[in-house]
Amino acid sequence: MSKTFFENGFDQLDRAILEALQVNSRISVADLARKIHLSQPAVHQRIKRLERAGIIEKYVALVNREAVGYDLLCFIRVSIQPHTKAQLEGFQKVIEELPSVLECYRTAGSHDLLLKVAVQDHKELDRFIADHLMTIAGVERIEASPVLNEMKSTTALKLK
C-alpha cells in the first residue's frame, strides 16, 4: 500500500501550499506566505522540496478548449488484438504523436484503452477515427462517446 502525503514526511503547511497552488499556480510566494502565515523563504524552500520530491510535477496553463476551437470532447474506448506487449507499445507510439489525444489509459474491462480526445467538431472526430485509429495495426474495436456536457472538471487532488 502506498504512503499518504503525511506519511511521506510532509505536514499541514505543505498541504496548504499544495492546495493553494492547485487553485492558482501563479500565486506569488509573498501572497502564499501571507495566506498560510509563514515567511517567504520558508514557503519558497517548501515549494522546492515538494518539486524535488516529485509531488509537484510541473506548472501549466489550463486553456479553455472551446475558446480555441475544440468544441468536441470525446472519450474513445479501443480494443486491440493480440494482447501483447509489442502491440501495446506500437499503439502507444502512434498515440503519443497525435495532438488530438489529450490522455490515454490502459484499462481493465471490456476495452483495453481509453482515450480522451479534443477535436473541432463531429466531422473532425470522424476523420480522426478513420485516418488515425482505424489505421493502427491490431485495433479490433472502437467505441466513441462524445461529451454532451462537462458536469465536473478539475485538476486538483484531495490530499490524504
N, C-alpha and C. Protein backbone atom coordinates (compact mmCIF):
# COMPACT_ATOMS: atom_id res chain seq x y z
N MET A 1 0.83 -1.18 0.00
CA MET A 1 0.00 0.00 0.00
C MET A 1 0.88 1.25 0.00
N SER A 2 0.55 2.23 -0.82
CA SER A 2 1.36 3.44 -0.89
C SER A 2 1.10 4.34 0.32
N LYS A 3 2.11 5.11 0.63
CA LYS A 3 2.02 6.01 1.77
C LYS A 3 1.20 7.24 1.42
N THR A 4 0.57 7.81 2.44
CA THR A 4 -0.16 9.05 2.23
C THR A 4 0.83 10.20 2.23
N PHE A 5 0.34 11.35 1.88
CA PHE A 5 1.14 12.56 1.83
C PHE A 5 1.85 12.81 3.16
N PHE A 6 1.12 12.68 4.25
CA PHE A 6 1.70 12.97 5.57
C PHE A 6 2.68 11.89 6.01
N GLU A 7 2.46 10.64 5.61
CA GLU A 7 3.38 9.56 5.96
C GLU A 7 4.71 9.69 5.22
N ASN A 8 4.72 10.51 4.17
CA ASN A 8 5.94 10.75 3.41
C ASN A 8 6.75 11.92 3.96
N GLY A 9 6.39 12.42 5.14
CA GLY A 9 7.19 13.45 5.78
C GLY A 9 6.76 14.88 5.53
N PHE A 10 5.58 15.05 4.98
CA PHE A 10 5.07 16.40 4.74
C PHE A 10 4.04 16.74 5.81
N ASP A 11 3.80 18.04 6.00
CA ASP A 11 2.91 18.46 7.08
C ASP A 11 1.77 19.34 6.57
N GLN A 12 1.01 19.91 7.51
CA GLN A 12 -0.16 20.73 7.16
C GLN A 12 0.24 21.98 6.37
N LEU A 13 1.40 22.54 6.63
CA LEU A 13 1.84 23.71 5.86
C LEU A 13 2.13 23.33 4.41
N ASP A 14 2.76 22.17 4.21
CA ASP A 14 2.99 21.69 2.85
C ASP A 14 1.66 21.45 2.14
N ARG A 15 0.71 20.90 2.89
CA ARG A 15 -0.62 20.66 2.33
C ARG A 15 -1.28 21.98 1.93
N ALA A 16 -1.18 22.99 2.77
CA ALA A 16 -1.76 24.30 2.48
C ALA A 16 -1.12 24.90 1.23
N ILE A 17 0.18 24.73 1.10
CA ILE A 17 0.88 25.23 -0.09
C ILE A 17 0.35 24.53 -1.34
N LEU A 18 0.25 23.20 -1.29
CA LEU A 18 -0.24 22.45 -2.45
C LEU A 18 -1.68 22.80 -2.79
N GLU A 19 -2.51 22.95 -1.78
CA GLU A 19 -3.90 23.30 -2.05
C GLU A 19 -3.99 24.67 -2.72
N ALA A 20 -3.21 25.61 -2.27
CA ALA A 20 -3.22 26.95 -2.89
C ALA A 20 -2.67 26.90 -4.31
N LEU A 21 -1.60 26.16 -4.53
CA LEU A 21 -1.01 26.07 -5.87
C LEU A 21 -1.93 25.34 -6.85
N GLN A 22 -2.71 24.38 -6.36
CA GLN A 22 -3.64 23.69 -7.25
C GLN A 22 -4.76 24.60 -7.72
N VAL A 23 -5.09 25.59 -6.92
CA VAL A 23 -6.12 26.56 -7.30
C VAL A 23 -5.52 27.63 -8.22
N ASN A 24 -4.30 28.07 -7.90
CA ASN A 24 -3.66 29.13 -8.67
C ASN A 24 -2.15 28.95 -8.58
N SER A 25 -1.55 28.32 -9.57
CA SER A 25 -0.11 28.08 -9.53
C SER A 25 0.70 29.35 -9.77
N ARG A 26 0.04 30.43 -10.14
CA ARG A 26 0.73 31.69 -10.37
C ARG A 26 0.75 32.59 -9.13
N ILE A 27 0.20 32.12 -8.03
CA ILE A 27 0.22 32.91 -6.81
C ILE A 27 1.68 33.20 -6.45
N SER A 28 1.96 34.41 -6.06
CA SER A 28 3.33 34.76 -5.71
C SER A 28 3.69 34.10 -4.38
N VAL A 29 4.97 33.91 -4.20
CA VAL A 29 5.45 33.34 -2.94
C VAL A 29 5.06 34.27 -1.79
N ALA A 30 5.13 35.58 -2.03
CA ALA A 30 4.77 36.55 -0.99
C ALA A 30 3.30 36.40 -0.60
N ASP A 31 2.42 36.30 -1.59
CA ASP A 31 0.98 36.15 -1.29
C ASP A 31 0.70 34.82 -0.60
N LEU A 32 1.38 33.78 -1.06
CA LEU A 32 1.20 32.47 -0.45
C LEU A 32 1.70 32.48 1.00
N ALA A 33 2.81 33.12 1.22
CA ALA A 33 3.36 33.21 2.58
C ALA A 33 2.38 33.92 3.51
N ARG A 34 1.80 35.02 3.03
CA ARG A 34 0.80 35.73 3.84
C ARG A 34 -0.41 34.85 4.12
N LYS A 35 -0.83 34.11 3.11
CA LYS A 35 -2.03 33.29 3.23
C LYS A 35 -1.87 32.19 4.29
N ILE A 36 -0.69 31.59 4.35
CA ILE A 36 -0.51 30.47 5.29
C ILE A 36 0.30 30.88 6.53
N HIS A 37 0.59 32.16 6.65
CA HIS A 37 1.28 32.69 7.83
C HIS A 37 2.66 32.09 8.04
N LEU A 38 3.47 32.16 6.97
CA LEU A 38 4.84 31.64 7.00
C LEU A 38 5.72 32.64 6.26
N SER A 39 7.00 32.65 6.52
CA SER A 39 7.91 33.58 5.84
C SER A 39 8.07 33.18 4.37
N GLN A 40 8.41 34.16 3.54
CA GLN A 40 8.62 33.89 2.12
C GLN A 40 9.73 32.87 1.89
N PRO A 41 10.90 33.01 2.55
CA PRO A 41 11.95 32.00 2.33
C PRO A 41 11.50 30.59 2.72
N ALA A 42 10.73 30.48 3.79
CA ALA A 42 10.26 29.15 4.21
C ALA A 42 9.30 28.56 3.18
N VAL A 43 8.41 29.39 2.65
CA VAL A 43 7.48 28.92 1.61
C VAL A 43 8.25 28.49 0.37
N HIS A 44 9.19 29.32 -0.05
CA HIS A 44 10.00 29.00 -1.23
C HIS A 44 10.74 27.67 -1.03
N GLN A 45 11.33 27.49 0.15
CA GLN A 45 12.06 26.26 0.45
C GLN A 45 11.13 25.05 0.42
N ARG A 46 9.93 25.20 0.95
CA ARG A 46 8.97 24.09 0.96
C ARG A 46 8.51 23.75 -0.47
N ILE A 47 8.29 24.76 -1.29
CA ILE A 47 7.90 24.52 -2.69
C ILE A 47 9.01 23.74 -3.40
N LYS A 48 10.25 24.17 -3.22
CA LYS A 48 11.38 23.48 -3.86
C LYS A 48 11.47 22.03 -3.38
N ARG A 49 11.22 21.80 -2.10
CA ARG A 49 11.24 20.44 -1.55
C ARG A 49 10.14 19.59 -2.18
N LEU A 50 8.96 20.17 -2.35
CA LEU A 50 7.85 19.46 -2.99
C LEU A 50 8.18 19.14 -4.44
N GLU A 51 8.86 20.04 -5.12
CA GLU A 51 9.27 19.79 -6.50
C GLU A 51 10.32 18.67 -6.56
N ARG A 52 11.31 18.75 -5.70
CA ARG A 52 12.37 17.72 -5.69
C ARG A 52 11.81 16.33 -5.37
N ALA A 53 10.81 16.29 -4.51
CA ALA A 53 10.20 15.02 -4.13
C ALA A 53 9.28 14.46 -5.21
N GLY A 54 9.04 15.24 -6.25
CA GLY A 54 8.15 14.79 -7.32
C GLY A 54 6.67 14.96 -7.00
N ILE A 55 6.36 15.63 -5.90
CA ILE A 55 4.96 15.90 -5.55
C ILE A 55 4.41 16.93 -6.54
N ILE A 56 5.17 17.98 -6.78
CA ILE A 56 4.82 18.95 -7.83
C ILE A 56 5.59 18.52 -9.07
N GLU A 57 4.85 18.11 -10.10
CA GLU A 57 5.49 17.64 -11.33
C GLU A 57 5.82 18.79 -12.27
N LYS A 58 4.86 19.70 -12.46
CA LYS A 58 5.07 20.81 -13.39
C LYS A 58 3.99 21.85 -13.18
N TYR A 59 4.18 22.98 -13.80
CA TYR A 59 3.21 24.06 -13.76
C TYR A 59 2.71 24.28 -15.19
N VAL A 60 1.39 24.41 -15.35
CA VAL A 60 0.83 24.56 -16.69
C VAL A 60 -0.26 25.64 -16.70
N ALA A 61 -0.57 26.11 -17.91
CA ALA A 61 -1.73 26.97 -18.10
C ALA A 61 -2.84 26.09 -18.65
N LEU A 62 -3.99 26.10 -18.01
CA LEU A 62 -5.13 25.32 -18.48
C LEU A 62 -5.90 26.18 -19.47
N VAL A 63 -5.92 25.75 -20.71
CA VAL A 63 -6.54 26.51 -21.80
C VAL A 63 -7.98 26.06 -21.98
N ASN A 64 -8.88 27.01 -22.14
CA ASN A 64 -10.28 26.70 -22.42
C ASN A 64 -10.36 26.17 -23.85
N ARG A 65 -10.58 24.87 -24.00
CA ARG A 65 -10.53 24.24 -25.32
C ARG A 65 -11.55 24.82 -26.28
N GLU A 66 -12.74 25.14 -25.80
CA GLU A 66 -13.77 25.70 -26.67
C GLU A 66 -13.38 27.09 -27.17
N ALA A 67 -12.71 27.86 -26.34
CA ALA A 67 -12.29 29.21 -26.72
C ALA A 67 -11.25 29.18 -27.84
N VAL A 68 -10.54 28.05 -27.98
CA VAL A 68 -9.54 27.95 -29.04
C VAL A 68 -9.97 27.00 -30.16
N GLY A 69 -11.29 26.71 -30.23
CA GLY A 69 -11.83 26.00 -31.37
C GLY A 69 -12.01 24.50 -31.25
N TYR A 70 -11.81 23.93 -30.07
CA TYR A 70 -12.02 22.49 -29.89
C TYR A 70 -13.35 22.28 -29.17
N ASP A 71 -14.42 22.29 -29.94
CA ASP A 71 -15.77 22.25 -29.38
C ASP A 71 -16.22 20.85 -28.95
N LEU A 72 -15.54 19.83 -29.44
CA LEU A 72 -15.99 18.47 -29.14
C LEU A 72 -14.94 17.72 -28.33
N LEU A 73 -15.35 17.30 -27.16
CA LEU A 73 -14.54 16.44 -26.31
C LEU A 73 -15.15 15.05 -26.41
N CYS A 74 -14.32 14.03 -26.54
CA CYS A 74 -14.82 12.69 -26.75
C CYS A 74 -13.96 11.68 -26.00
N PHE A 75 -14.62 10.69 -25.43
CA PHE A 75 -13.90 9.56 -24.85
C PHE A 75 -14.04 8.40 -25.82
N ILE A 76 -12.93 7.78 -26.14
CA ILE A 76 -12.92 6.69 -27.12
C ILE A 76 -12.32 5.46 -26.46
N ARG A 77 -13.08 4.37 -26.50
CA ARG A 77 -12.62 3.09 -25.98
C ARG A 77 -12.12 2.24 -27.15
N VAL A 78 -10.95 1.65 -26.96
CA VAL A 78 -10.31 0.88 -28.03
C VAL A 78 -9.95 -0.51 -27.51
N SER A 79 -10.23 -1.50 -28.32
CA SER A 79 -9.78 -2.86 -28.05
C SER A 79 -8.73 -3.22 -29.08
N ILE A 80 -7.66 -3.87 -28.62
CA ILE A 80 -6.60 -4.28 -29.55
C ILE A 80 -6.38 -5.78 -29.47
N GLN A 81 -5.88 -6.35 -30.55
CA GLN A 81 -5.51 -7.75 -30.62
C GLN A 81 -4.22 -7.84 -31.42
N PRO A 82 -3.32 -8.67 -31.13
CA PRO A 82 -3.31 -9.54 -29.96
C PRO A 82 -2.92 -8.74 -28.71
N HIS A 83 -3.18 -9.31 -27.55
CA HIS A 83 -2.82 -8.67 -26.29
C HIS A 83 -1.36 -8.99 -25.97
N THR A 84 -0.47 -8.25 -26.63
CA THR A 84 0.96 -8.45 -26.39
C THR A 84 1.59 -7.12 -26.03
N LYS A 85 2.73 -7.22 -25.40
CA LYS A 85 3.48 -6.02 -25.03
C LYS A 85 3.86 -5.23 -26.28
N ALA A 86 4.30 -5.93 -27.32
CA ALA A 86 4.70 -5.27 -28.56
C ALA A 86 3.53 -4.52 -29.19
N GLN A 87 2.35 -5.14 -29.17
CA GLN A 87 1.16 -4.50 -29.73
C GLN A 87 0.82 -3.23 -28.97
N LEU A 88 0.86 -3.32 -27.66
CA LEU A 88 0.56 -2.18 -26.80
C LEU A 88 1.57 -1.06 -27.01
N GLU A 89 2.85 -1.40 -27.08
CA GLU A 89 3.88 -0.40 -27.31
C GLU A 89 3.73 0.27 -28.67
N GLY A 90 3.35 -0.51 -29.68
CA GLY A 90 3.12 0.06 -31.01
C GLY A 90 1.97 1.06 -31.00
N PHE A 91 0.89 0.71 -30.31
CA PHE A 91 -0.25 1.60 -30.19
C PHE A 91 0.17 2.88 -29.47
N GLN A 92 0.88 2.72 -28.38
CA GLN A 92 1.30 3.88 -27.59
C GLN A 92 2.18 4.82 -28.42
N LYS A 93 3.07 4.27 -29.19
CA LYS A 93 3.97 5.09 -30.02
C LYS A 93 3.17 5.95 -31.00
N VAL A 94 2.15 5.38 -31.61
CA VAL A 94 1.31 6.13 -32.56
C VAL A 94 0.52 7.20 -31.82
N ILE A 95 -0.10 6.83 -30.71
CA ILE A 95 -0.96 7.75 -29.95
C ILE A 95 -0.18 8.95 -29.43
N GLU A 96 1.06 8.72 -29.01
CA GLU A 96 1.88 9.82 -28.48
C GLU A 96 2.10 10.91 -29.53
N GLU A 97 2.00 10.58 -30.79
CA GLU A 97 2.23 11.54 -31.87
C GLU A 97 0.96 12.27 -32.32
N LEU A 98 -0.18 11.93 -31.74
CA LEU A 98 -1.44 12.54 -32.14
C LEU A 98 -1.85 13.65 -31.17
N PRO A 99 -1.75 14.91 -31.59
CA PRO A 99 -2.05 16.01 -30.67
C PRO A 99 -3.50 16.06 -30.21
N SER A 100 -4.42 15.47 -30.96
CA SER A 100 -5.82 15.46 -30.55
C SER A 100 -6.05 14.61 -29.30
N VAL A 101 -5.16 13.65 -29.04
CA VAL A 101 -5.29 12.79 -27.87
C VAL A 101 -4.69 13.51 -26.67
N LEU A 102 -5.56 13.89 -25.74
CA LEU A 102 -5.11 14.59 -24.54
C LEU A 102 -4.62 13.62 -23.48
N GLU A 103 -5.28 12.47 -23.37
CA GLU A 103 -4.93 11.47 -22.37
C GLU A 103 -5.21 10.08 -22.95
N CYS A 104 -4.45 9.10 -22.50
CA CYS A 104 -4.67 7.72 -22.92
C CYS A 104 -4.32 6.82 -21.74
N TYR A 105 -5.24 5.88 -21.45
CA TYR A 105 -5.07 4.98 -20.32
C TYR A 105 -5.28 3.54 -20.76
N ARG A 106 -4.47 2.63 -20.23
CA ARG A 106 -4.73 1.21 -20.40
C ARG A 106 -5.68 0.82 -19.27
N THR A 107 -6.76 0.14 -19.61
CA THR A 107 -7.80 -0.16 -18.63
C THR A 107 -8.11 -1.65 -18.58
N ALA A 108 -8.79 -2.02 -17.51
CA ALA A 108 -9.31 -3.38 -17.38
C ALA A 108 -10.78 -3.33 -17.80
N GLY A 109 -11.32 -4.45 -18.18
CA GLY A 109 -12.72 -4.49 -18.55
C GLY A 109 -12.91 -4.86 -20.00
N SER A 110 -13.99 -4.38 -20.58
CA SER A 110 -14.35 -4.79 -21.94
C SER A 110 -13.50 -4.14 -23.03
N HIS A 111 -12.75 -3.10 -22.69
CA HIS A 111 -11.87 -2.44 -23.65
C HIS A 111 -10.47 -2.35 -23.05
N ASP A 112 -9.49 -2.21 -23.92
CA ASP A 112 -8.11 -2.19 -23.46
C ASP A 112 -7.61 -0.78 -23.16
N LEU A 113 -8.13 0.19 -23.89
CA LEU A 113 -7.61 1.55 -23.78
C LEU A 113 -8.74 2.57 -23.75
N LEU A 114 -8.50 3.67 -23.06
CA LEU A 114 -9.45 4.77 -23.01
C LEU A 114 -8.71 6.04 -23.40
N LEU A 115 -9.21 6.71 -24.42
CA LEU A 115 -8.60 7.94 -24.90
C LEU A 115 -9.52 9.12 -24.62
N LYS A 116 -8.93 10.23 -24.26
CA LYS A 116 -9.66 11.49 -24.14
C LYS A 116 -9.16 12.36 -25.30
N VAL A 117 -10.08 12.73 -26.17
CA VAL A 117 -9.72 13.38 -27.42
C VAL A 117 -10.47 14.71 -27.55
N ALA A 118 -9.79 15.74 -28.02
CA ALA A 118 -10.42 17.03 -28.29
C ALA A 118 -10.27 17.34 -29.77
N VAL A 119 -11.41 17.59 -30.42
CA VAL A 119 -11.43 17.92 -31.84
C VAL A 119 -12.39 19.09 -32.07
N GLN A 120 -12.36 19.64 -33.29
CA GLN A 120 -13.19 20.80 -33.59
C GLN A 120 -14.67 20.46 -33.64
N ASP A 121 -15.01 19.35 -34.29
CA ASP A 121 -16.42 19.01 -34.48
C ASP A 121 -16.55 17.53 -34.81
N HIS A 122 -17.78 17.09 -35.07
CA HIS A 122 -18.01 15.66 -35.35
C HIS A 122 -17.34 15.20 -36.64
N LYS A 123 -17.19 16.09 -37.61
CA LYS A 123 -16.51 15.70 -38.86
C LYS A 123 -15.03 15.43 -38.60
N GLU A 124 -14.42 16.25 -37.76
CA GLU A 124 -13.02 16.01 -37.42
C GLU A 124 -12.88 14.74 -36.59
N LEU A 125 -13.85 14.45 -35.75
CA LEU A 125 -13.84 13.20 -34.98
C LEU A 125 -13.89 12.02 -35.94
N ASP A 126 -14.76 12.07 -36.92
CA ASP A 126 -14.86 11.01 -37.90
C ASP A 126 -13.54 10.81 -38.63
N ARG A 127 -12.91 11.90 -39.05
CA ARG A 127 -11.61 11.82 -39.73
C ARG A 127 -10.53 11.26 -38.80
N PHE A 128 -10.55 11.68 -37.54
CA PHE A 128 -9.57 11.19 -36.58
C PHE A 128 -9.68 9.67 -36.42
N ILE A 129 -10.90 9.19 -36.29
CA ILE A 129 -11.10 7.74 -36.13
C ILE A 129 -10.69 7.00 -37.40
N ALA A 130 -11.15 7.49 -38.56
CA ALA A 130 -10.87 6.79 -39.82
C ALA A 130 -9.40 6.88 -40.22
N ASP A 131 -8.82 8.06 -40.11
CA ASP A 131 -7.45 8.27 -40.61
C ASP A 131 -6.36 7.88 -39.63
N HIS A 132 -6.69 7.83 -38.34
CA HIS A 132 -5.65 7.54 -37.36
C HIS A 132 -5.92 6.23 -36.61
N LEU A 133 -7.02 6.16 -35.89
CA LEU A 133 -7.25 4.97 -35.07
C LEU A 133 -7.43 3.71 -35.89
N MET A 134 -8.23 3.81 -36.96
CA MET A 134 -8.50 2.61 -37.76
C MET A 134 -7.30 2.14 -38.57
N THR A 135 -6.26 2.97 -38.64
CA THR A 135 -5.07 2.58 -39.40
C THR A 135 -3.99 1.96 -38.51
N ILE A 136 -4.22 1.94 -37.20
CA ILE A 136 -3.23 1.35 -36.29
C ILE A 136 -3.38 -0.16 -36.31
N ALA A 137 -2.29 -0.84 -36.56
CA ALA A 137 -2.32 -2.30 -36.61
C ALA A 137 -2.81 -2.87 -35.28
N GLY A 138 -3.72 -3.83 -35.37
CA GLY A 138 -4.20 -4.52 -34.18
C GLY A 138 -5.43 -3.92 -33.53
N VAL A 139 -5.88 -2.77 -34.02
CA VAL A 139 -7.09 -2.18 -33.44
C VAL A 139 -8.27 -3.03 -33.89
N GLU A 140 -8.98 -3.58 -32.91
CA GLU A 140 -10.08 -4.50 -33.19
C GLU A 140 -11.45 -3.82 -33.10
N ARG A 141 -11.61 -2.95 -32.09
CA ARG A 141 -12.92 -2.32 -31.87
C ARG A 141 -12.71 -0.91 -31.33
N ILE A 142 -13.57 0.01 -31.82
CA ILE A 142 -13.52 1.40 -31.39
C ILE A 142 -14.94 1.82 -31.02
N GLU A 143 -15.08 2.43 -29.85
CA GLU A 143 -16.37 2.99 -29.44
C GLU A 143 -16.14 4.42 -28.97
N ALA A 144 -16.84 5.35 -29.58
CA ALA A 144 -16.68 6.76 -29.23
C ALA A 144 -17.90 7.26 -28.45
N SER A 145 -17.64 8.06 -27.42
CA SER A 145 -18.69 8.68 -26.62
C SER A 145 -18.43 10.18 -26.55
N PRO A 146 -19.09 10.94 -27.42
CA PRO A 146 -18.93 12.41 -27.36
C PRO A 146 -19.48 12.95 -26.05
N VAL A 147 -18.82 13.93 -25.49
CA VAL A 147 -19.25 14.56 -24.26
C VAL A 147 -20.32 15.60 -24.60
N LEU A 148 -21.47 15.50 -23.96
CA LEU A 148 -22.55 16.46 -24.18
C LEU A 148 -22.43 17.65 -23.25
N ASN A 149 -21.97 17.39 -22.01
CA ASN A 149 -21.88 18.44 -21.02
C ASN A 149 -20.83 18.06 -19.98
N GLU A 150 -19.87 18.94 -19.74
CA GLU A 150 -18.88 18.71 -18.69
C GLU A 150 -19.50 19.11 -17.37
N MET A 151 -19.86 18.12 -16.58
CA MET A 151 -20.52 18.41 -15.30
C MET A 151 -19.51 18.73 -14.21
N LYS A 152 -18.32 18.17 -14.30
CA LYS A 152 -17.24 18.49 -13.37
C LYS A 152 -15.92 18.25 -14.08
N SER A 153 -15.03 19.18 -13.92
CA SER A 153 -13.69 19.04 -14.48
C SER A 153 -12.73 19.74 -13.54
N THR A 154 -11.79 19.00 -12.98
CA THR A 154 -10.83 19.58 -12.07
C THR A 154 -9.48 18.91 -12.23
N THR A 155 -8.45 19.59 -11.82
CA THR A 155 -7.13 19.00 -11.79
C THR A 155 -6.61 18.88 -10.36
N ALA A 156 -7.38 19.40 -9.41
CA ALA A 156 -6.97 19.42 -8.01
C ALA A 156 -7.23 18.07 -7.32
N LEU A 157 -6.21 17.58 -6.63
CA LEU A 157 -6.34 16.34 -5.86
C LEU A 157 -6.57 16.65 -4.40
N LYS A 158 -7.42 15.86 -3.76
CA LYS A 158 -7.61 15.96 -2.31
C LYS A 158 -6.43 15.23 -1.67
N LEU A 159 -5.72 15.91 -0.81
CA LEU A 159 -4.54 15.32 -0.19
C LEU A 159 -4.91 14.57 1.07
N LYS A 160 -4.38 13.34 1.20
CA LYS A 160 -4.66 12.49 2.36
C LYS A 160 -3.49 12.51 3.31
